Amino acid sequence: MKTRKASDERMSEMTKETADRIICDYTRKIYGFALSKTGSIERAEELASRITLEVYSSLLKQENIPNPAGYIWKIAMNVRARFTDEMARAPFVLSDNEPEADDFTEKLLDAETKSKLRLEIAYLSRLRRKILILHYYRNMKLADIAKELSLPVGTVKWHLSAARDELREGMTKMRNTGNLGIAPITLICLSHDGRPGRNGATEYYLKSKLAQNIAWAAYHKPRSISEIADELGTSPVWIEDEVDTLEENGFLDKIGEKYLTNVLIEDPSPEIDIKVHELYTACAKEVAKTYPDRVFEALKGLDRSDIYIPGKDDSLLDWLGIAFAMREKFNTSFDDAAYDRLKVKRPDGGCYIASAWVEKQYDLPFDMRLYTSCGPMRRDTNKYPVLSWQLTTCYDTRKLDWADNRWQDYEYLYEFMTGRITKSPEDIEKYMRLREKGYLTADDEVNIICSRPATCIENSKLWSVIPEPDANEQALLDELAEKLKRLVVPCYPEQMRKVAELYNSCPEISMYVIERLVASGALKKPSELRAPGLCTIMFSDRLPE
């Protein structure tokens, strides 16, 4: 009873993570229920799959369930009633006898049907496919198959009989290739929000065209491996391992025998892009009237005795200050609790929300590149008293890629500043990396802003002088968030709407404000020399000489 009580207490706070845990906790119980009501393994699997799918879909729509167990079994009874009615209209009797030979074996040798049969065998589950191949192609007896697979003989008989029935049905129907088999999509902007794992993040797991299209096929509704294969116009054999990998690493959720994608995939359209752009532009227009001037004024009063600015170019500090202010101070309250519930813990140590965009080509009446950024990115190291903050935009010359912002770069820069790195052969690789990044100029000048001491960013001098938005400015941002949620969130499938709502509750207008400041001349475009280190600061216990 203690275990049951603890489980139900956990279930009362509904989150996606909780829903996943509920499904895991109740899978065996649901199957036991289905088996007791059907008396058939095949029917039990089908009924359990339907119950599991309906429970999971329903849970994702709930915020709180006072009596989870009662809620789940009510759904189970309703699904069972519908299932019973369906079976009554199309009765099916499963025999536990040895499968009849009839003409099945002959069909295996029929050249005319061989190609079609091979395709349908590929659509069987792994276990049924293996049993059928062992029996008909390798001539193994059922008892030997049962021993090899550690299964009861009766179970092997049932799977073989069911496989034959599936093949007969499959041989008589036309399989339709989905659109993805003809015109596969390409995912771009593969990104993450959180901590990447040992293997990287979204860009590692969704790097192949196959993985991308599997994710897209199961994005809008749950699909089985066979259904995904049909969408991709391929054999299930070729996607099974990829599906397993995506499921094991949290990019697909398994619901019964079906899969549902757990990646926030943007499916852009010109109509939505234009409406979103208009909302951001209107908000940024009003914000730019007041907030940047307060930031610039605050920067004038910043104590610069412990701050290094390349070439003593104060415009670089203006860029950093505005970027830092807009990304760290000017925002709605981010729901950290919701984020913790929605992010996925990965087997490789990663813990993040994965996202991507469907690549589409169409013209817009504005240049989207002006409003695209990467970050803010924080980097630190245990080796030296060093940490950094960076925002990458279209105005610098860095790659729009989080992975290229390496924590080792700041270690190398610290070593150069302290004389540990020279142009000697043993240091040349580190030195050239700094030169290639542009963090060192041709004259060996450190090319990013540095501040002392190395402290928590929230305790830094920069943080202390940057003003918070006033009530009117905050109201503008809150209003934008509500408009975005009403416009954008309904565009996502049900399982991703909580993530979409979280992201759109904290709209990011920094680049829209910056674009207006550049256009007005309030921000001066950086020179070719200074562009590599734009909107970057390194905190350390040392400053460049």
Protein backbone atom coordinates (compact mmCIF):
# COMPACT_ATOMS: atom_id res chain seq x y z
CA MET A 1 0.00 0.00 0.00
CA LYS A 2 2.83 2.42 0.69
CA THR A 3 4.13 2.08 -2.85
CA ARG A 4 0.67 2.62 -4.33
CA LYS A 5 0.07 5.70 -2.18
CA ALA A 6 3.42 7.26 -3.06
CA SER A 7 2.81 6.66 -6.75
CA ASP A 8 -0.62 8.28 -6.62
CA GLU A 9 0.76 11.30 -4.80
CA ARG A 10 3.27 11.82 -7.55
CA MET A 11 0.59 11.58 -10.16
CA SER A 12 -1.45 14.39 -8.66
CA GLU A 13 0.92 17.04 -10.04
CA MET A 14 0.44 16.59 -13.76
CA THR A 15 3.39 17.27 -16.06
CA LYS A 16 4.66 15.59 -19.20
CA GLU A 17 7.33 13.87 -17.13
CA THR A 18 4.64 12.72 -14.72
CA ALA A 19 2.46 11.49 -17.58
CA ASP A 20 5.40 9.47 -18.91
CA ARG A 21 5.95 8.00 -15.46
CA ILE A 22 2.27 7.13 -15.11
CA ILE A 23 2.30 5.26 -18.39
CA CYS A 24 5.43 3.38 -17.30
CA ASP A 25 3.92 2.56 -13.89
CA TYR A 26 0.59 1.36 -15.29
CA THR A 27 1.68 -0.46 -18.47
CA ARG A 28 1.76 -3.91 -16.84
CA LYS A 29 -1.47 -3.23 -14.91
CA ILE A 30 -3.27 -2.11 -18.06
CA TYR A 31 -2.09 -5.19 -19.95
CA GLY A 32 -3.22 -7.44 -17.07
CA PHE A 33 -6.62 -5.75 -17.15
CA ALA A 34 -6.85 -6.23 -20.93
CA LEU A 35 -5.84 -9.89 -20.72
CA SER A 36 -8.40 -10.61 -17.98
CA LYS A 37 -11.18 -9.04 -20.07
CA THR A 38 -10.27 -10.62 -23.43
CA GLY A 39 -8.70 -14.00 -22.62
CA SER A 40 -6.56 -13.62 -25.73
CA ILE A 41 -2.98 -12.43 -26.00
CA GLU A 42 -3.60 -10.80 -29.37
CA ARG A 43 -6.76 -9.02 -28.27
CA ALA A 44 -5.13 -8.06 -24.96
CA GLU A 45 -2.23 -6.40 -26.77
CA GLU A 46 -4.57 -4.43 -29.00
CA LEU A 47 -6.89 -3.41 -26.13
CA ALA A 48 -3.94 -2.45 -23.87
CA SER A 49 -2.44 -0.35 -26.67
CA ARG A 50 -5.71 1.53 -27.17
CA ILE A 51 -6.17 2.14 -23.44
CA THR A 52 -2.57 3.33 -23.04
CA LEU A 53 -2.83 5.74 -25.97
CA GLU A 54 -6.11 7.25 -24.73
CA VAL A 55 -4.83 7.55 -21.14
CA TYR A 56 -1.63 9.28 -22.27
CA SER A 57 -3.42 11.68 -24.62
CA SER A 58 -5.89 12.55 -21.87
CA LEU A 59 -3.19 13.06 -19.23
CA LEU A 60 -1.37 15.60 -21.39
CA LYS A 61 -4.50 17.78 -21.27
CA GLN A 62 -4.83 17.71 -17.47
CA GLU A 63 -3.26 19.95 -14.85
CA ASN A 64 -4.29 18.05 -11.74
CA ILE A 65 -5.96 14.70 -11.08
CA PRO A 66 -7.11 14.14 -7.47
CA ASN A 67 -7.65 10.38 -8.00
CA PRO A 68 -5.31 9.18 -10.78
CA ALA A 69 -6.06 5.49 -10.35
CA GLY A 70 -9.82 6.04 -10.63
CA TYR A 71 -9.28 8.33 -13.62
CA ILE A 72 -7.19 5.72 -15.45
CA TRP A 73 -9.54 2.79 -14.82
CA LYS A 74 -12.56 4.84 -15.89
CA ILE A 75 -10.86 5.44 -19.23
CA ALA A 76 -9.91 1.75 -19.40
CA MET A 77 -13.52 0.65 -18.91
CA ASN A 78 -14.79 3.04 -21.58
CA VAL A 79 -12.17 1.91 -24.10
CA ARG A 80 -12.92 -1.73 -23.29
CA ALA A 81 -16.63 -1.18 -23.91
CA ARG A 82 -15.94 0.31 -27.34
CA PHE A 83 -13.46 -2.47 -28.10
CA THR A 84 -15.97 -5.18 -27.15
CA ASP A 85 -18.58 -3.67 -29.45
CA GLU A 86 -16.07 -3.56 -32.28
CA MET A 87 -15.09 -7.21 -31.77
CA ALA A 88 -18.72 -8.25 -31.71
CA ARG A 89 -19.20 -6.75 -35.15
CA ALA A 90 -16.06 -8.45 -36.50
CA PRO A 91 -15.50 -11.64 -34.48
CA PHE A 92 -12.09 -13.26 -34.50
CA VAL A 93 -11.21 -16.66 -33.04
CA LEU A 94 -7.60 -17.39 -32.20
CA SER A 95 -6.50 -21.01 -32.35
CA ASP A 96 -3.68 -22.34 -30.21
CA ASN A 97 -3.19 -25.30 -32.50
CA GLU A 98 -0.22 -25.82 -34.78
CA PRO A 99 -0.59 -23.44 -37.73
CA GLU A 100 -2.11 -25.06 -40.74
CA ALA A 101 0.15 -25.45 -43.74
CA ASP A 102 -2.53 -24.79 -46.44
CA ASP A 103 -0.84 -22.85 -49.27
CA PHE A 104 1.38 -20.57 -47.19
CA THR A 105 4.62 -22.51 -47.64
CA GLU A 106 4.00 -22.75 -51.36
CA LYS A 107 3.55 -18.99 -51.55
CA LEU A 108 7.01 -18.54 -50.09
CA LEU A 109 8.35 -20.19 -53.23
CA ASP A 110 6.05 -18.47 -55.66
CA ALA A 111 8.25 -16.12 -57.70
CA GLU A 112 5.31 -13.91 -58.55
CA THR A 113 4.52 -13.16 -54.93
CA LYS A 114 8.04 -13.33 -53.50
CA SER A 115 8.73 -9.59 -53.72
CA LYS A 116 5.38 -8.64 -52.18
CA LEU A 117 5.80 -11.26 -49.47
CA ARG A 118 9.26 -9.98 -48.54
CA LEU A 119 7.81 -6.50 -48.13
CA GLU A 120 5.00 -7.73 -45.89
CA ILE A 121 7.38 -9.79 -43.76
CA ALA A 122 9.32 -6.60 -43.13
CA TYR A 123 6.14 -5.06 -41.69
CA LEU A 124 5.85 -7.73 -39.00
CA SER A 125 7.05 -6.95 -35.50
CA ARG A 126 10.63 -7.97 -34.78
CA LEU A 127 9.57 -10.98 -32.74
CA ARG A 128 7.02 -12.26 -35.24
CA ARG A 129 9.41 -11.67 -38.12
CA LYS A 130 12.14 -13.62 -36.34
CA ILE A 131 9.82 -16.54 -35.48
CA LEU A 132 8.52 -16.76 -39.04
CA ILE A 133 12.00 -16.69 -40.58
CA LEU A 134 13.31 -19.31 -38.16
CA HIS A 135 10.36 -21.61 -38.89
CA TYR A 136 9.87 -21.23 -42.64
CA TYR A 137 13.27 -20.19 -43.89
CA ARG A 138 15.52 -22.09 -41.47
CA ASN A 139 13.16 -25.01 -40.92
CA MET A 140 13.34 -24.88 -37.14
CA LYS A 141 10.71 -26.67 -35.08
CA LEU A 142 8.52 -24.60 -32.83
CA ALA A 143 9.95 -26.21 -29.71
CA ASP A 144 13.47 -25.26 -30.80
CA ILE A 145 12.37 -21.71 -31.58
CA ALA A 146 10.76 -21.46 -28.15
CA LYS A 147 14.00 -22.63 -26.51
CA GLU A 148 16.15 -20.18 -28.50
CA LEU A 149 13.88 -17.22 -27.73
CA SER A 150 13.13 -18.26 -24.14
CA LEU A 151 9.38 -18.28 -24.83
CA PRO A 152 6.62 -20.80 -24.10
CA VAL A 153 5.80 -22.97 -27.11
CA GLY A 154 2.21 -21.76 -26.99
CA THR A 155 3.35 -18.16 -27.31
CA VAL A 156 5.52 -19.05 -30.31
CA LYS A 157 2.53 -20.82 -31.93
CA TRP A 158 0.35 -17.80 -31.36
CA HIS A 159 2.88 -15.36 -32.81
CA LEU A 160 3.41 -17.56 -35.86
CA SER A 161 -0.32 -17.87 -36.45
CA ALA A 162 -0.82 -14.14 -36.01
CA ALA A 163 2.10 -13.46 -38.38
CA ARG A 164 0.51 -15.63 -41.04
CA ASP A 165 -2.79 -13.78 -40.64
CA GLU A 166 -1.01 -10.43 -40.93
CA LEU A 167 0.77 -11.58 -44.08
CA ARG A 168 -2.43 -12.83 -45.70
CA GLU A 169 -4.06 -9.48 -45.02
CA GLY A 170 -1.02 -7.56 -46.21
CA MET A 171 -0.79 -9.54 -49.45
CA THR A 172 -4.29 -8.44 -50.43
CA LYS A 173 -3.98 -4.71 -49.83
CA MET A 174 -2.18 -1.88 -51.51
CA ARG A 175 0.30 -0.01 -49.33
CA ASN A 176 0.34 3.70 -49.92
CA THR A 177 3.56 5.67 -49.77
CA GLY A 178 3.17 8.80 -47.66
CA ASN A 179 4.31 12.21 -48.78
CA LEU A 180 7.61 11.80 -46.93
CA GLY A 181 8.50 8.90 -49.22
CA ILE A 182 8.23 11.23 -52.20
CA ALA A 183 9.22 14.59 -50.71
CA PRO A 184 11.10 14.18 -47.42
CA ILE A 185 11.43 17.21 -45.18
CA THR A 186 14.71 18.69 -43.95
CA LEU A 187 15.07 19.98 -40.41
CA ILE A 188 17.29 23.00 -39.79
CA CYS A 189 18.18 25.09 -36.74
CA LEU A 190 18.61 21.92 -34.69
CA SER A 191 18.97 23.33 -31.20
CA HIS A 192 18.39 22.73 -27.51
CA ASP A 193 17.48 24.61 -24.37
CA GLY A 194 19.41 23.20 -21.44
CA ARG A 195 22.52 21.09 -20.92
CA PRO A 196 23.81 18.99 -23.83
CA GLY A 197 25.10 15.50 -23.16
CA ARG A 198 28.29 13.68 -24.04
CA ASN A 199 27.09 13.13 -27.61
CA GLY A 200 26.00 16.71 -28.15
CA ALA A 201 22.34 17.60 -28.44
CA THR A 202 19.61 17.75 -31.06
CA GLU A 203 22.03 18.22 -33.93
CA TYR A 204 23.64 14.85 -33.08
CA TYR A 205 20.50 12.73 -32.83
CA LEU A 206 18.58 14.34 -35.69
CA LYS A 207 21.51 14.83 -38.06
CA SER A 208 20.38 12.21 -40.60
CA LYS A 209 17.55 12.70 -43.07
CA LEU A 210 16.09 9.39 -41.85
CA ALA A 211 15.90 10.49 -38.20
CA GLN A 212 14.42 13.85 -39.17
CA ASN A 213 11.63 12.29 -41.21
CA ILE A 214 10.85 9.69 -38.54
CA ALA A 215 10.42 12.55 -36.07
CA TRP A 216 8.19 14.45 -38.49
CA ALA A 217 6.09 11.38 -39.34
CA ALA A 218 5.19 10.87 -35.66
CA TYR A 219 4.87 14.56 -34.80
CA HIS A 220 1.18 15.29 -35.33
CA LYS A 221 -0.22 11.93 -34.23
CA PRO A 222 1.12 8.69 -32.72
CA ARG A 223 2.25 6.16 -35.28
CA SER A 224 3.51 2.59 -35.13
CA ILE A 225 6.77 1.58 -36.77
CA SER A 226 4.81 0.18 -39.71
CA GLU A 227 2.85 3.39 -40.09
CA ILE A 228 6.02 5.48 -39.92
CA ALA A 229 7.58 3.21 -42.53
CA ASP A 230 4.57 3.73 -44.81
CA GLU A 231 4.92 7.49 -44.43
CA LEU A 232 8.60 7.25 -45.37
CA GLY A 233 7.98 4.80 -48.21
CA THR A 234 10.44 2.28 -46.84
CA SER A 235 10.58 -1.05 -45.06
CA PRO A 236 10.13 -1.08 -41.26
CA VAL A 237 13.37 -3.08 -41.07
CA TRP A 238 15.33 0.00 -42.10
CA ILE A 239 13.91 2.32 -39.46
CA GLU A 240 13.58 0.07 -36.37
CA ASP A 241 17.03 0.79 -34.98
CA GLU A 242 16.69 4.53 -35.60
CA VAL A 243 13.31 4.57 -33.87
CA ASP A 244 14.83 2.71 -30.91
CA THR A 245 17.66 5.24 -30.66
CA LEU A 246 15.31 8.22 -30.80
CA GLU A 247 13.01 6.67 -28.21
CA GLU A 248 15.86 5.70 -25.85
CA ASN A 249 17.17 9.27 -25.94
CA GLY A 250 13.85 11.00 -25.38
CA PHE A 251 13.12 12.30 -28.88
CA LEU A 252 10.20 9.90 -29.27
CA ASP A 253 7.75 8.83 -26.57
CA LYS A 254 6.45 5.28 -26.80
CA ILE A 255 2.74 5.00 -26.17
CA GLY A 256 1.68 1.38 -26.34
CA GLU A 257 2.92 0.24 -29.73
CA LYS A 258 2.98 3.74 -31.19
CA TYR A 259 5.45 6.62 -31.05
CA LEU A 260 4.95 10.34 -30.58
CA THR A 261 7.65 12.93 -31.22
CA ASN A 262 8.92 14.97 -28.28
CA VAL A 263 10.70 17.73 -30.19
CA LEU A 264 9.39 21.27 -30.65
CA ILE A 265 9.35 21.41 -34.45
CA GLU A 266 8.54 24.75 -36.02
CA ASP A 267 6.55 24.40 -39.22
CA PRO A 268 6.84 27.93 -40.58
CA SER A 269 4.33 29.59 -42.84
CA PRO A 270 4.52 33.05 -44.40
CA GLU A 271 1.15 33.99 -42.93
CA ILE A 272 2.19 33.23 -39.34
CA ASP A 273 5.70 34.66 -39.85
CA ILE A 274 4.27 37.97 -40.99
CA LYS A 275 1.79 38.19 -38.12
CA VAL A 276 4.49 37.34 -35.55
CA HIS A 277 6.85 39.86 -37.14
CA GLU A 278 4.19 42.55 -36.91
CA LEU A 279 3.61 41.84 -33.21
CA TYR A 280 7.34 41.94 -32.41
CA THR A 281 7.90 45.09 -34.48
CA ALA A 282 5.08 46.96 -32.77
CA CYS A 283 6.33 46.04 -29.31
CA ALA A 284 9.99 46.83 -30.12
CA LYS A 285 9.00 50.23 -31.53
CA GLU A 286 7.57 51.25 -28.17
CA VAL A 287 10.31 49.65 -26.08
CA ALA A 288 13.05 51.32 -28.13
CA LYS A 289 11.66 54.75 -27.23
CA THR A 290 12.67 54.47 -23.57
CA TYR A 291 14.59 51.42 -22.42
CA PRO A 292 17.83 51.69 -24.51
CA ASP A 293 18.39 55.29 -23.39
CA ARG A 294 18.18 54.17 -19.77
CA VAL A 295 20.69 51.41 -20.49
CA PHE A 296 23.11 53.78 -22.24
CA GLU A 297 22.84 56.23 -19.36
CA ALA A 298 23.54 53.49 -16.83
CA LEU A 299 26.64 52.39 -18.79
CA LYS A 300 28.06 55.92 -18.54
CA GLY A 301 28.11 55.51 -14.77
CA LEU A 302 29.77 52.09 -14.86
CA ASP A 303 33.05 51.90 -12.91
CA ARG A 304 35.56 51.01 -15.62
CA SER A 305 38.63 50.65 -13.41
CA ASP A 306 38.34 46.86 -13.66
CA ILE A 307 37.03 46.64 -17.20
CA TYR A 308 39.06 46.16 -20.38
CA ILE A 309 37.56 47.39 -23.66
CA PRO A 310 39.41 46.53 -26.91
CA GLY A 311 40.85 49.70 -28.44
CA LYS A 312 38.99 51.68 -25.73
CA ASP A 313 36.05 51.65 -28.14
CA ASP A 314 33.03 52.55 -26.00
CA SER A 315 30.65 51.50 -28.76
CA LEU A 316 31.59 47.89 -27.96
CA LEU A 317 30.37 48.44 -24.40
CA ASP A 318 27.11 49.87 -25.76
CA TRP A 319 26.59 46.74 -27.85
CA LEU A 320 27.34 44.46 -24.92
CA GLY A 321 25.19 46.50 -22.55
CA ILE A 322 22.13 46.51 -24.82
CA ALA A 323 22.47 42.81 -25.65
CA PHE A 324 22.98 41.90 -21.99
CA ALA A 325 20.12 44.11 -20.84
CA MET A 326 17.65 42.77 -23.39
CA ARG A 327 18.49 39.11 -22.81
CA GLU A 328 19.05 39.10 -19.05
CA LYS A 329 16.85 41.86 -17.64
CA PHE A 330 14.17 42.75 -20.17
CA ASN A 331 11.91 39.72 -20.14
CA THR A 332 8.91 38.18 -18.52
CA SER A 333 9.45 35.82 -15.65
CA PHE A 334 10.59 32.51 -17.05
CA ASP A 335 8.70 29.64 -15.45
CA ASP A 336 11.66 27.64 -14.17
CA ALA A 337 9.39 25.03 -12.59
CA ALA A 338 7.58 24.43 -15.89
CA TYR A 339 10.91 24.23 -17.71
CA ASP A 340 12.21 21.65 -15.23
CA ARG A 341 9.10 19.55 -15.80
CA LEU A 342 9.27 19.73 -19.58
CA LYS A 343 12.99 19.20 -20.22
CA VAL A 344 14.07 15.64 -20.90
CA LYS A 345 16.87 13.81 -19.10
CA ARG A 346 18.94 11.94 -21.70
CA PRO A 347 21.01 8.76 -21.17
CA ASP A 348 24.19 10.58 -22.28
CA GLY A 349 23.86 13.11 -19.44
CA GLY A 350 22.00 15.77 -21.42
CA CYS A 351 18.96 17.50 -19.97
CA TYR A 352 17.18 19.79 -22.40
CA ILE A 353 14.19 20.60 -24.57
CA ALA A 354 14.94 19.79 -28.21
CA SER A 355 13.77 22.00 -31.06
CA ALA A 356 14.12 22.31 -34.83
CA TRP A 357 12.62 24.01 -37.88
CA VAL A 358 11.21 22.51 -41.05
CA GLU A 359 13.17 24.01 -43.94
CA LYS A 360 10.91 25.92 -46.28
CA GLN A 361 11.60 28.36 -49.06
CA TYR A 362 9.37 31.38 -49.46
CA ASP A 363 9.73 35.13 -49.71
CA LEU A 364 8.99 37.48 -46.83
CA PRO A 365 8.72 41.28 -46.88
CA PHE A 366 11.54 41.48 -44.30
CA ASP A 367 14.98 39.95 -43.74
CA MET A 368 14.60 37.24 -41.08
CA ARG A 369 18.38 37.09 -40.59
CA LEU A 370 18.31 40.48 -38.84
CA TYR A 371 16.22 38.99 -36.04
CA THR A 372 18.08 35.71 -35.57
CA SER A 373 20.51 35.10 -32.71
CA CYS A 374 22.20 32.33 -30.75
CA GLY A 375 22.33 32.58 -26.99
CA PRO A 376 22.82 34.00 -24.55
CA MET A 377 25.56 31.47 -23.89
CA ARG A 378 27.43 31.12 -20.63
CA ARG A 379 30.71 29.24 -20.38
CA ASP A 380 32.91 28.47 -17.37
CA THR A 381 35.78 26.19 -16.44
CA ASN A 382 37.16 24.63 -13.29
CA LYS A 383 40.70 25.07 -14.53
CA TYR A 384 40.91 28.87 -14.15
CA PRO A 385 38.88 31.68 -12.55
CA VAL A 386 37.10 32.38 -15.83
CA LEU A 387 33.52 32.61 -17.05
CA SER A 388 31.96 34.25 -20.08
CA TRP A 389 28.73 35.57 -21.58
CA GLN A 390 28.04 35.82 -25.31
CA LEU A 391 25.23 36.58 -27.74
CA THR A 392 25.86 35.78 -31.42
CA THR A 393 23.97 37.83 -34.01
CA CYS A 394 24.11 38.78 -37.68
CA TYR A 395 26.28 41.79 -36.75
CA ASP A 396 29.33 39.79 -35.70
CA THR A 397 31.37 37.34 -37.80
CA ARG A 398 31.01 34.23 -35.65
CA LYS A 399 29.18 31.04 -36.58
CA LEU A 400 25.53 31.03 -35.51
CA ASP A 401 26.28 27.83 -33.63
CA TRP A 402 26.43 27.21 -29.88
CA ALA A 403 28.98 24.41 -30.30
CA ASP A 404 31.57 26.78 -31.75
CA ASN A 405 31.50 28.84 -28.55
CA ARG A 406 33.89 26.55 -26.67
CA TRP A 407 34.80 26.93 -23.03
CA GLN A 408 38.35 26.01 -24.05
CA ASP A 409 38.57 29.32 -25.97
CA TYR A 410 38.36 31.24 -22.71
CA GLU A 411 40.90 28.94 -21.07
CA TYR A 412 43.26 29.64 -23.97
CA LEU A 413 42.62 33.38 -23.73
CA TYR A 414 43.35 33.34 -20.01
CA GLU A 415 46.57 31.40 -20.66
CA PHE A 416 47.59 33.95 -23.27
CA MET A 417 46.84 36.82 -20.88
CA THR A 418 48.95 35.18 -18.16
CA GLY A 419 51.86 34.29 -20.44
CA ARG A 420 51.21 30.55 -20.49
CA ILE A 421 50.61 30.58 -24.26
CA THR A 422 53.16 31.93 -26.69
CA LYS A 423 53.80 31.43 -30.38
CA SER A 424 56.04 28.47 -29.61
CA PRO A 425 55.45 25.20 -31.51
CA GLU A 426 53.91 23.49 -28.47
CA ASP A 427 51.33 26.32 -28.10
CA ILE A 428 50.72 27.12 -31.74
CA GLU A 429 47.42 25.19 -32.03
CA LYS A 430 45.86 27.06 -29.09
CA TYR A 431 47.25 30.37 -30.32
CA MET A 432 45.92 29.86 -33.85
CA ARG A 433 42.50 28.96 -32.50
CA LEU A 434 42.33 32.37 -30.79
CA ARG A 435 43.49 34.07 -33.96
CA GLU A 436 40.96 32.20 -36.12
CA LYS A 437 38.13 33.12 -33.74
CA GLY A 438 39.24 36.74 -33.82
CA TYR A 439 39.67 36.84 -30.04
CA LEU A 440 43.24 37.88 -30.75
CA THR A 441 44.01 40.46 -33.44
CA ALA A 442 46.98 40.29 -35.79
CA ASP A 443 48.78 42.51 -33.27
CA ASP A 444 48.00 40.05 -30.44
CA GLU A 445 45.49 42.41 -28.89
CA VAL A 446 42.76 40.73 -26.83
CA ASN A 447 39.60 41.45 -28.82
CA ILE A 448 36.76 40.92 -26.33
CA ILE A 449 35.63 42.91 -23.31
CA CYS A 450 37.06 41.60 -20.02
CA SER A 451 35.97 42.37 -16.48
CA ARG A 452 37.40 41.72 -13.06
CA PRO A 453 36.76 39.82 -10.82
CA ALA A 454 35.64 36.35 -11.96
CA THR A 455 32.34 36.15 -10.18
CA CYS A 456 28.82 34.97 -10.68
CA ILE A 457 27.43 37.00 -13.56
CA GLU A 458 24.50 38.08 -11.40
CA ASN A 459 27.03 39.60 -8.97
CA SER A 460 29.01 41.45 -11.64
CA LYS A 461 29.31 45.21 -12.06
CA LEU A 462 27.58 44.95 -15.42
CA TRP A 463 24.57 43.22 -13.92
CA SER A 464 24.35 45.74 -11.09
CA VAL A 465 24.09 48.83 -13.31
CA ILE A 466 21.69 47.48 -15.95
CA PRO A 467 18.17 48.76 -15.17
CA GLU A 468 15.09 46.60 -14.93
CA PRO A 469 12.20 47.44 -17.28
CA ASP A 470 9.71 49.87 -15.76
CA ALA A 471 6.03 49.06 -15.33
CA ASN A 472 5.01 50.39 -18.75
CA GLU A 473 7.82 48.53 -20.55
CA GLN A 474 6.99 45.32 -18.71
CA ALA A 475 3.33 45.68 -19.61
CA LEU A 476 4.27 45.92 -23.29
CA LEU A 477 6.21 42.66 -23.05
CA ASP A 478 3.46 40.86 -21.13
CA GLU A 479 0.90 41.97 -23.72
CA LEU A 480 3.14 40.65 -26.50
CA ALA A 481 3.43 37.29 -24.74
CA GLU A 482 -0.34 36.90 -24.51
CA LYS A 483 -0.86 37.81 -28.17
CA LEU A 484 1.84 35.35 -29.26
CA LYS A 485 0.37 32.51 -27.23
CA ARG A 486 -3.07 33.04 -28.74
CA LEU A 487 -1.61 33.17 -32.25
CA VAL A 488 1.12 30.52 -32.18
CA VAL A 489 0.37 27.81 -29.59
CA PRO A 490 -2.67 26.35 -31.45
CA CYS A 491 -0.35 25.67 -34.42
CA TYR A 492 1.46 22.93 -32.48
CA PRO A 493 0.32 19.35 -31.87
CA GLU A 494 -1.19 18.64 -28.47
CA GLN A 495 1.90 17.06 -26.88
CA MET A 496 4.06 20.13 -27.60
CA ARG A 497 1.67 22.92 -26.63
CA LYS A 498 2.93 23.25 -23.07
CA VAL A 499 6.47 23.72 -24.41
CA ALA A 500 5.24 26.20 -27.03
CA GLU A 501 3.31 28.11 -24.37
CA LEU A 502 6.39 28.23 -22.13
CA TYR A 503 8.58 29.64 -24.90
CA ASN A 504 6.03 32.17 -26.09
CA SER A 505 5.34 33.36 -22.55
CA CYS A 506 8.82 34.86 -22.60
CA PRO A 507 9.11 36.57 -26.01
CA GLU A 508 12.54 37.60 -27.14
CA ILE A 509 12.54 41.06 -28.74
CA SER A 510 16.23 41.88 -28.33
CA MET A 511 17.07 41.65 -32.02
CA TYR A 512 14.07 43.73 -33.00
CA VAL A 513 15.20 46.49 -30.63
CA ILE A 514 18.81 46.17 -31.77
CA GLU A 515 17.77 46.37 -35.42
CA ARG A 516 15.96 49.66 -34.70
CA LEU A 517 18.98 51.02 -32.83
CA VAL A 518 21.31 50.16 -35.73
CA ALA A 519 18.93 51.70 -38.25
CA SER A 520 18.73 54.92 -36.21
CA GLY A 521 22.49 55.11 -35.64
CA ALA A 522 22.20 54.67 -31.87
CA LEU A 523 24.32 51.54 -32.29
CA LYS A 524 27.24 51.76 -34.68
CA LYS A 525 27.95 48.68 -36.79
CA PRO A 526 31.25 47.17 -35.63
CA SER A 527 34.35 47.36 -37.75
CA GLU A 528 35.73 44.23 -39.40
CA LEU A 529 38.43 44.19 -36.71
CA ARG A 530 35.99 44.30 -33.75
CA ALA A 531 33.12 42.22 -35.13
CA PRO A 532 34.49 38.80 -33.93
CA GLY A 533 34.28 39.77 -30.26
CA LEU A 534 30.99 41.69 -30.38
CA CYS A 535 28.53 41.14 -27.49
CA THR A 536 31.05 39.01 -25.60
CA ILE A 537 32.51 39.47 -22.11
CA MET A 538 34.95 37.35 -20.14
CA PHE A 539 35.06 37.64 -16.35
CA SER A 540 38.39 36.69 -14.76
CA ASP A 541 40.83 37.67 -12.03
CA ARG A 542 43.16 39.16 -14.64
CA LEU A 543 42.81 41.83 -17.31
CA PRO A 544 44.79 42.07 -20.56
CA GLU A 545 47.76 44.42 -20.35
